[in-house]
Amino acid sequence: MTADQIRIHLSQDKDGATAPRVSWPRREAERLFIGQPAAQAIAMTPLLFSLCAQAQSLAARLVLQQAAGQQATASDEQRATLTLEATRETLRKLLLDWSQAFDGTAAAAEWTAQWRAAQDLPSLRSLAEAFVYGEDCQHWLQRGEDGWLAWLMQGDTAPARWLRMLEQPLPGCTLLPPFGAGMLAAHLADWLRPGGPVWQGQAREVSALAREAAHLPGLLEKNLRPRARLLARLLQLARWLSGTQQLQASAACLPDGALALVDTARGPLLHLAALDENGRISRYRVVPPTLWHAHPEGVLRVSLGFLAAASDAEWQRQISLIDPCVAYSVSKETEYA
């Protein structure tokens, strides 16, 4: 096992009850920033964090600007770039990871070739309307929950078919409420707990479902969490493609530094930084959304805890929907706790 990998292990107690244990000994690459000038850290960021590189770079730029005493805000162009990155990443998930998890193979080569060539929202929208929605994504957005349920039952696209497969209720964590950097600055201690981030003492789900829960009350009432989780990703994708929503980024001062909070496709990304009297970085920390996913009491553990007897393919499917941003290993050889 490499250090930067989530480990999921099924264990059994003396009474025969099984439960998964989740751990992530995260490799804190941001330690390389300590002692560096801000400009050097900003240049290093996309090299250290290749996944969601635009989001990571924007967070680094905002937090270091704020820590230097300047008012840091994200421009319209920066938020557009952030949203474009999340759009491409979500479509990549659909064509590769989720297609593999549900159909056992990646989407056809013609789709992935179209994705590689699509570098702007119009071309990505054309791809999504053909592969995901089977119709105009703005029209699809206006359907509402009953309309989305009718679409998934009748639709002939691959994602509609996958959603039909997700008919098993599963419990989950309480959802994280919406945050901005200013609000987080007043409640930061919870996010920095040694055992993993919490909010009001509880591990939370921070995925797209947390942002779209108000639009999916029927599915959540029935505990159809996996279906709601995937549908929330399609809702986010349609909002970005139709231009009705962009991802947000903000920064705030702390008594001993600053923080930046940036939305990503997987959830909120937090950067914390402080500078010394010479303007060099004296403290830096990154809290990615996957730290929430991999919390010992988080959404991975809660979801998989009710699937102890399920097949390996079902575990892969559920983990893929939760969508951690690093590799993971699964061991279902019973280990006695």
Protein backbone atom coordinates (compact mmCIF):
# COMPACT_ATOMS: atom_id res chain seq x y z
CA MET A 1 0.00 0.00 0.00
CA THR A 2 1.34 3.43 -0.87
CA ALA A 3 1.12 6.16 1.75
CA ASP A 4 -1.32 8.33 -0.19
CA GLN A 5 -4.08 5.78 -0.61
CA ILE A 6 -7.38 5.21 1.17
CA ARG A 7 -7.53 1.84 2.87
CA ILE A 8 -10.89 0.15 3.34
CA HIS A 9 -10.90 -3.05 5.35
CA LEU A 10 -13.78 -5.24 6.43
CA SER A 11 -13.42 -6.39 10.02
CA GLN A 12 -15.47 -8.69 12.23
CA ASP A 13 -16.00 -8.49 15.98
CA LYS A 14 -16.19 -11.41 18.40
CA ASP A 15 -19.97 -11.62 17.90
CA GLY A 16 -19.61 -12.03 14.14
CA ALA A 17 -20.78 -8.52 13.22
CA THR A 18 -18.92 -7.04 10.27
CA ALA A 19 -18.08 -3.39 9.63
CA PRO A 20 -15.68 -1.58 7.30
CA ARG A 21 -12.81 0.49 8.65
CA VAL A 22 -11.66 3.45 6.56
CA SER A 23 -8.33 5.24 6.89
CA TRP A 24 -6.30 7.62 4.74
CA PRO A 25 -2.72 8.32 5.85
CA ARG A 26 -2.61 11.37 3.60
CA ARG A 27 0.73 12.49 2.22
CA GLU A 28 0.80 16.23 2.92
CA ALA A 29 2.58 17.48 -0.20
CA GLU A 30 1.91 21.07 0.87
CA ARG A 31 4.67 20.73 3.48
CA LEU A 32 7.03 21.56 0.61
CA PHE A 33 5.65 25.11 0.71
CA ILE A 34 7.09 25.84 4.16
CA GLY A 35 9.89 28.39 3.90
CA GLN A 36 9.03 29.26 0.28
CA PRO A 37 7.95 32.68 -0.97
CA ALA A 38 4.30 32.87 -2.00
CA ALA A 39 5.05 33.10 -5.72
CA GLN A 40 7.09 29.89 -5.58
CA ALA A 41 4.30 28.01 -3.80
CA ILE A 42 1.74 29.20 -6.36
CA ALA A 43 3.97 27.99 -9.20
CA MET A 44 4.46 24.60 -7.48
CA THR A 45 0.78 23.99 -6.74
CA PRO A 46 -0.39 22.54 -10.09
CA LEU A 47 2.70 20.31 -10.15
CA LEU A 48 1.92 18.85 -6.72
CA PHE A 49 -1.85 18.61 -7.20
CA SER A 50 -2.56 17.52 -10.77
CA LEU A 51 -6.19 16.58 -10.10
CA CYS A 52 -8.36 19.71 -9.84
CA ALA A 53 -5.20 21.71 -10.58
CA GLN A 54 -7.16 24.89 -11.36
CA ALA A 55 -9.06 24.71 -8.06
CA GLN A 56 -5.88 24.01 -6.12
CA SER A 57 -4.05 26.86 -7.83
CA LEU A 58 -6.88 29.32 -7.21
CA ALA A 59 -7.05 28.31 -3.54
CA ALA A 60 -3.29 28.81 -3.16
CA ARG A 61 -3.40 32.19 -4.89
CA LEU A 62 -6.33 33.42 -2.77
CA VAL A 63 -5.05 32.23 0.60
CA LEU A 64 -1.53 33.61 0.10
CA GLN A 65 -2.84 36.94 -1.13
CA GLN A 66 -5.14 37.16 1.89
CA ALA A 67 -2.35 36.12 4.27
CA ALA A 68 -0.22 38.95 2.85
CA GLY A 69 -2.87 41.44 3.96
CA GLN A 70 -4.54 41.98 0.60
CA GLN A 71 -8.26 41.49 0.04
CA ALA A 72 -8.43 38.35 -2.10
CA THR A 73 -11.41 37.73 -4.38
CA ALA A 74 -11.93 35.40 -7.31
CA SER A 75 -12.55 37.12 -10.64
CA ASP A 76 -15.32 36.10 -13.04
CA GLU A 77 -12.66 34.64 -15.33
CA GLN A 78 -11.17 32.56 -12.49
CA ARG A 79 -14.59 31.20 -11.50
CA ALA A 80 -15.32 30.39 -15.15
CA THR A 81 -12.04 28.47 -15.38
CA LEU A 82 -12.86 26.67 -12.13
CA THR A 83 -16.29 25.68 -13.45
CA LEU A 84 -14.87 24.50 -16.77
CA GLU A 85 -12.43 22.24 -14.94
CA ALA A 86 -15.22 20.72 -12.82
CA THR A 87 -17.35 20.21 -15.94
CA ARG A 88 -14.58 18.35 -17.78
CA GLU A 89 -13.80 16.28 -14.67
CA THR A 90 -17.44 15.26 -14.19
CA LEU A 91 -17.73 14.18 -17.82
CA ARG A 92 -14.46 12.26 -17.48
CA LYS A 93 -15.96 10.44 -14.49
CA LEU A 94 -19.05 9.56 -16.49
CA LEU A 95 -17.16 8.28 -19.53
CA LEU A 96 -14.46 6.35 -17.69
CA ASP A 97 -14.98 5.60 -13.99
CA TRP A 98 -18.76 5.37 -13.73
CA SER A 99 -19.07 3.62 -17.07
CA GLN A 100 -16.53 1.08 -15.79
CA ALA A 101 -18.33 0.73 -12.44
CA PHE A 102 -21.79 0.17 -13.97
CA ASP A 103 -21.08 -1.42 -17.36
CA GLY A 104 -17.72 -3.05 -16.71
CA THR A 105 -16.00 -1.02 -19.43
CA ALA A 106 -15.26 2.56 -20.36
CA ALA A 107 -17.58 4.36 -22.75
CA ALA A 108 -17.02 3.83 -26.47
CA ALA A 109 -13.88 5.36 -27.93
CA GLU A 110 -15.89 7.88 -29.99
CA TRP A 111 -17.20 9.44 -26.75
CA THR A 112 -13.82 9.66 -25.05
CA ALA A 113 -12.30 11.11 -28.23
CA GLN A 114 -15.02 13.78 -28.24
CA TRP A 115 -14.24 14.53 -24.58
CA ARG A 116 -10.51 14.92 -25.25
CA ALA A 117 -11.23 17.38 -28.06
CA ALA A 118 -13.79 19.40 -26.05
CA GLN A 119 -12.03 22.30 -24.33
CA ASP A 120 -14.90 24.77 -23.88
CA LEU A 121 -18.44 24.72 -22.50
CA PRO A 122 -20.29 24.64 -25.87
CA SER A 123 -18.42 21.53 -27.04
CA LEU A 124 -18.77 19.87 -23.63
CA ARG A 125 -22.48 20.68 -23.65
CA SER A 126 -22.88 19.02 -27.03
CA LEU A 127 -21.19 15.89 -25.68
CA ALA A 128 -23.28 15.85 -22.49
CA GLU A 129 -26.57 16.36 -24.28
CA ALA A 130 -25.82 13.35 -26.47
CA PHE A 131 -24.24 11.00 -23.90
CA VAL A 132 -25.92 12.02 -20.62
CA TYR A 133 -29.26 13.74 -21.05
CA GLY A 134 -30.46 12.80 -24.53
CA GLU A 135 -31.98 16.29 -24.74
CA ASP A 136 -31.18 19.97 -24.17
CA CYS A 137 -29.65 20.23 -20.69
CA GLN A 138 -31.53 23.45 -19.90
CA HIS A 139 -34.82 21.68 -20.68
CA TRP A 140 -33.70 18.71 -18.59
CA LEU A 141 -32.94 21.00 -15.64
CA GLN A 142 -36.47 22.38 -15.69
CA ARG A 143 -38.07 18.95 -15.28
CA GLY A 144 -37.86 18.97 -11.46
CA GLU A 145 -37.58 15.87 -9.29
CA ASP A 146 -40.67 14.09 -10.63
CA GLY A 147 -39.53 14.83 -14.17
CA TRP A 148 -36.00 13.55 -13.51
CA LEU A 149 -37.46 10.34 -12.08
CA ALA A 150 -39.65 9.93 -15.16
CA TRP A 151 -36.61 10.61 -17.37
CA LEU A 152 -34.45 8.01 -15.67
CA MET A 153 -37.18 5.37 -15.91
CA GLN A 154 -37.71 6.01 -19.62
CA GLY A 155 -34.35 7.36 -20.79
CA ASP A 156 -32.08 5.33 -23.05
CA THR A 157 -28.77 7.04 -22.24
CA ALA A 158 -26.19 5.18 -20.16
CA PRO A 159 -26.53 7.45 -17.07
CA ALA A 160 -30.36 7.03 -17.10
CA ARG A 161 -29.86 3.27 -17.16
CA TRP A 162 -27.32 3.45 -14.29
CA LEU A 163 -29.77 5.48 -12.21
CA ARG A 164 -32.42 2.79 -12.71
CA MET A 165 -29.97 0.28 -11.25
CA LEU A 166 -29.63 2.32 -8.04
CA GLU A 167 -32.87 1.23 -6.43
CA GLN A 168 -31.53 0.11 -3.04
CA PRO A 169 -32.03 2.48 -0.06
CA LEU A 170 -28.86 3.19 1.90
CA PRO A 171 -28.36 5.46 4.91
CA GLY A 172 -25.76 8.19 4.82
CA CYS A 173 -24.18 11.01 6.78
CA THR A 174 -25.90 14.28 7.48
CA LEU A 175 -25.17 16.74 4.68
CA LEU A 176 -22.80 19.69 5.11
CA PRO A 177 -24.67 23.02 4.86
CA PRO A 178 -23.47 25.73 2.43
CA PHE A 179 -20.37 27.60 3.56
CA GLY A 180 -18.37 30.67 2.59
CA ALA A 181 -14.89 31.49 3.82
CA GLY A 182 -16.15 34.14 6.27
CA MET A 183 -18.50 31.70 8.01
CA LEU A 184 -15.87 28.98 8.08
CA ALA A 185 -13.31 31.32 9.69
CA ALA A 186 -15.59 31.57 12.73
CA HIS A 187 -15.99 27.78 13.01
CA LEU A 188 -12.65 26.49 11.78
CA ALA A 189 -11.73 24.26 14.73
CA ASP A 190 -14.21 21.55 13.65
CA TRP A 191 -12.62 21.25 10.20
CA LEU A 192 -9.16 20.77 11.71
CA ARG A 193 -9.92 17.96 14.14
CA PRO A 194 -7.01 15.46 14.31
CA GLY A 195 -9.30 12.53 13.47
CA GLY A 196 -10.70 14.26 10.39
CA PRO A 197 -12.98 17.20 9.63
CA VAL A 198 -16.41 17.40 11.25
CA TRP A 199 -19.16 19.98 11.47
CA GLN A 200 -20.99 20.41 14.78
CA GLY A 201 -19.28 17.24 16.01
CA GLN A 202 -20.44 15.03 13.12
CA ALA A 203 -18.80 13.65 10.01
CA ARG A 204 -20.71 15.00 7.01
CA GLU A 205 -21.27 14.27 3.35
CA VAL A 206 -19.83 17.14 1.28
CA SER A 207 -20.52 15.92 -2.27
CA ALA A 208 -22.77 17.49 -4.89
CA LEU A 209 -25.66 15.94 -2.98
CA ALA A 210 -25.03 18.43 -0.16
CA ARG A 211 -25.46 21.28 -2.68
CA GLU A 212 -28.50 19.79 -4.44
CA ALA A 213 -30.41 18.21 -1.54
CA ALA A 214 -33.18 20.83 -1.63
CA HIS A 215 -34.06 19.70 -5.16
CA LEU A 216 -34.19 15.97 -4.32
CA PRO A 217 -36.44 15.71 -1.23
CA GLY A 218 -38.35 12.64 -2.41
CA LEU A 219 -35.26 10.53 -2.98
CA LEU A 220 -33.74 11.57 0.35
CA GLU A 221 -36.96 10.84 2.23
CA LYS A 222 -36.82 7.27 0.86
CA ASN A 223 -33.09 7.04 1.66
CA LEU A 224 -32.30 6.40 -2.00
CA ARG A 225 -28.91 8.02 -1.41
CA PRO A 226 -26.90 6.38 -4.20
CA ARG A 227 -29.49 7.40 -6.80
CA ALA A 228 -29.66 10.91 -5.32
CA ARG A 229 -25.85 11.13 -5.26
CA LEU A 230 -25.49 10.40 -8.98
CA LEU A 231 -28.50 12.53 -9.92
CA ALA A 232 -27.01 15.46 -7.96
CA ARG A 233 -23.83 15.20 -10.06
CA LEU A 234 -25.94 15.35 -13.24
CA LEU A 235 -27.79 18.38 -11.86
CA GLN A 236 -24.54 20.18 -11.12
CA LEU A 237 -23.22 19.32 -14.57
CA ALA A 238 -26.35 20.66 -16.28
CA ARG A 239 -26.20 23.91 -14.28
CA TRP A 240 -22.58 24.52 -15.29
CA LEU A 241 -23.19 23.63 -18.94
CA SER A 242 -26.26 25.85 -19.21
CA GLY A 243 -24.45 28.77 -17.59
CA THR A 244 -27.00 29.09 -14.76
CA GLN A 245 -24.42 28.46 -12.03
CA GLN A 246 -20.69 28.79 -11.45
CA LEU A 247 -18.55 27.37 -8.69
CA GLN A 248 -17.61 29.78 -5.90
CA ALA A 249 -14.32 30.71 -4.25
CA SER A 250 -13.67 33.03 -1.31
CA ALA A 251 -11.01 33.93 1.26
CA ALA A 252 -10.98 35.28 4.81
CA CYS A 253 -8.49 36.43 7.43
CA LEU A 254 -7.63 34.42 10.54
CA PRO A 255 -5.91 35.71 13.69
CA ASP A 256 -2.73 33.93 12.58
CA GLY A 257 -3.06 33.80 8.80
CA ALA A 258 -5.80 33.24 6.24
CA LEU A 259 -7.98 30.62 4.61
CA ALA A 260 -9.44 30.09 1.15
CA LEU A 261 -12.46 27.95 0.37
CA VAL A 262 -12.96 26.81 -3.23
CA ASP A 263 -15.77 24.65 -4.63
CA THR A 264 -14.83 21.59 -6.66
CA ALA A 265 -16.86 18.85 -8.32
CA ARG A 266 -16.29 16.63 -5.26
CA GLY A 267 -16.94 19.23 -2.56
CA PRO A 268 -15.25 22.14 -0.78
CA LEU A 269 -11.45 22.49 -0.90
CA LEU A 270 -9.82 24.36 2.00
CA HIS A 271 -6.35 25.94 2.03
CA LEU A 272 -4.84 27.54 5.17
CA ALA A 273 -1.65 29.61 5.23
CA ALA A 274 0.44 31.98 7.32
CA LEU A 275 3.49 34.07 6.37
CA ASP A 276 6.50 35.00 8.51
CA GLU A 277 7.99 38.49 8.87
CA ASN A 278 9.99 37.95 5.65
CA GLY A 279 6.93 37.07 3.63
CA ARG A 280 7.80 33.39 3.44
CA ILE A 281 5.31 30.64 4.22
CA SER A 282 5.47 29.54 7.85
CA ARG A 283 2.37 27.32 7.84
CA TYR A 284 0.35 25.67 5.11
CA ARG A 285 -2.38 23.07 5.18
CA VAL A 286 -4.78 21.62 2.60
CA VAL A 287 -8.09 19.97 3.54
CA PRO A 288 -9.47 18.32 0.37
CA PRO A 289 -13.05 16.99 0.16
CA THR A 290 -11.75 13.44 0.25
CA LEU A 291 -10.72 13.93 3.89
CA TRP A 292 -14.46 14.18 4.57
CA HIS A 293 -15.21 11.12 2.42
CA ALA A 294 -12.51 9.07 4.18
CA HIS A 295 -13.35 10.16 7.72
CA PRO A 296 -13.44 7.08 10.02
CA GLU A 297 -17.15 7.76 10.58
CA GLY A 298 -17.75 9.35 7.16
CA VAL A 299 -19.82 8.56 4.12
CA LEU A 300 -17.62 5.70 2.86
CA ARG A 301 -17.86 3.84 6.14
CA VAL A 302 -21.58 4.48 6.63
CA SER A 303 -22.52 3.48 3.08
CA LEU A 304 -20.33 0.37 2.92
CA GLY A 305 -21.37 -0.68 6.41
CA PHE A 306 -24.71 -1.75 4.99
CA LEU A 307 -23.12 -3.61 2.09
CA ALA A 308 -20.84 -6.00 3.95
CA ALA A 309 -22.25 -9.00 2.08
CA ALA A 310 -22.47 -7.26 -1.29
CA SER A 311 -20.31 -8.16 -4.27
CA ASP A 312 -16.98 -6.53 -5.04
CA ALA A 313 -18.61 -4.90 -8.06
CA GLU A 314 -21.26 -3.30 -5.85
CA TRP A 315 -18.60 -1.97 -3.50
CA GLN A 316 -16.71 -0.50 -6.46
CA ARG A 317 -19.92 1.08 -7.73
CA GLN A 318 -20.73 2.73 -4.40
CA ILE A 319 -17.18 3.95 -3.79
CA SER A 320 -17.04 5.36 -7.30
CA LEU A 321 -20.24 7.33 -6.71
CA ILE A 322 -18.79 8.83 -3.50
CA ASP A 323 -15.79 9.66 -5.68
CA PRO A 324 -12.64 9.96 -3.56
CA CYS A 325 -9.87 11.89 -5.33
CA VAL A 326 -7.09 9.38 -4.58
CA ALA A 327 -6.61 5.68 -5.14
CA TYR A 328 -8.06 3.21 -2.67
CA SER A 329 -7.58 -0.40 -1.69
CA VAL A 330 -10.33 -2.71 -0.50
CA SER A 331 -9.77 -5.81 1.58
CA LYS A 332 -12.76 -8.02 2.32
CA GLU A 333 -10.78 -10.81 3.88
CA THR A 334 -12.34 -10.83 7.31
CA GLU A 335 -10.05 -9.37 9.94
CA TYR A 336 -11.07 -9.85 13.56
CA ALA A 337 -11.22 -6.59 15.52
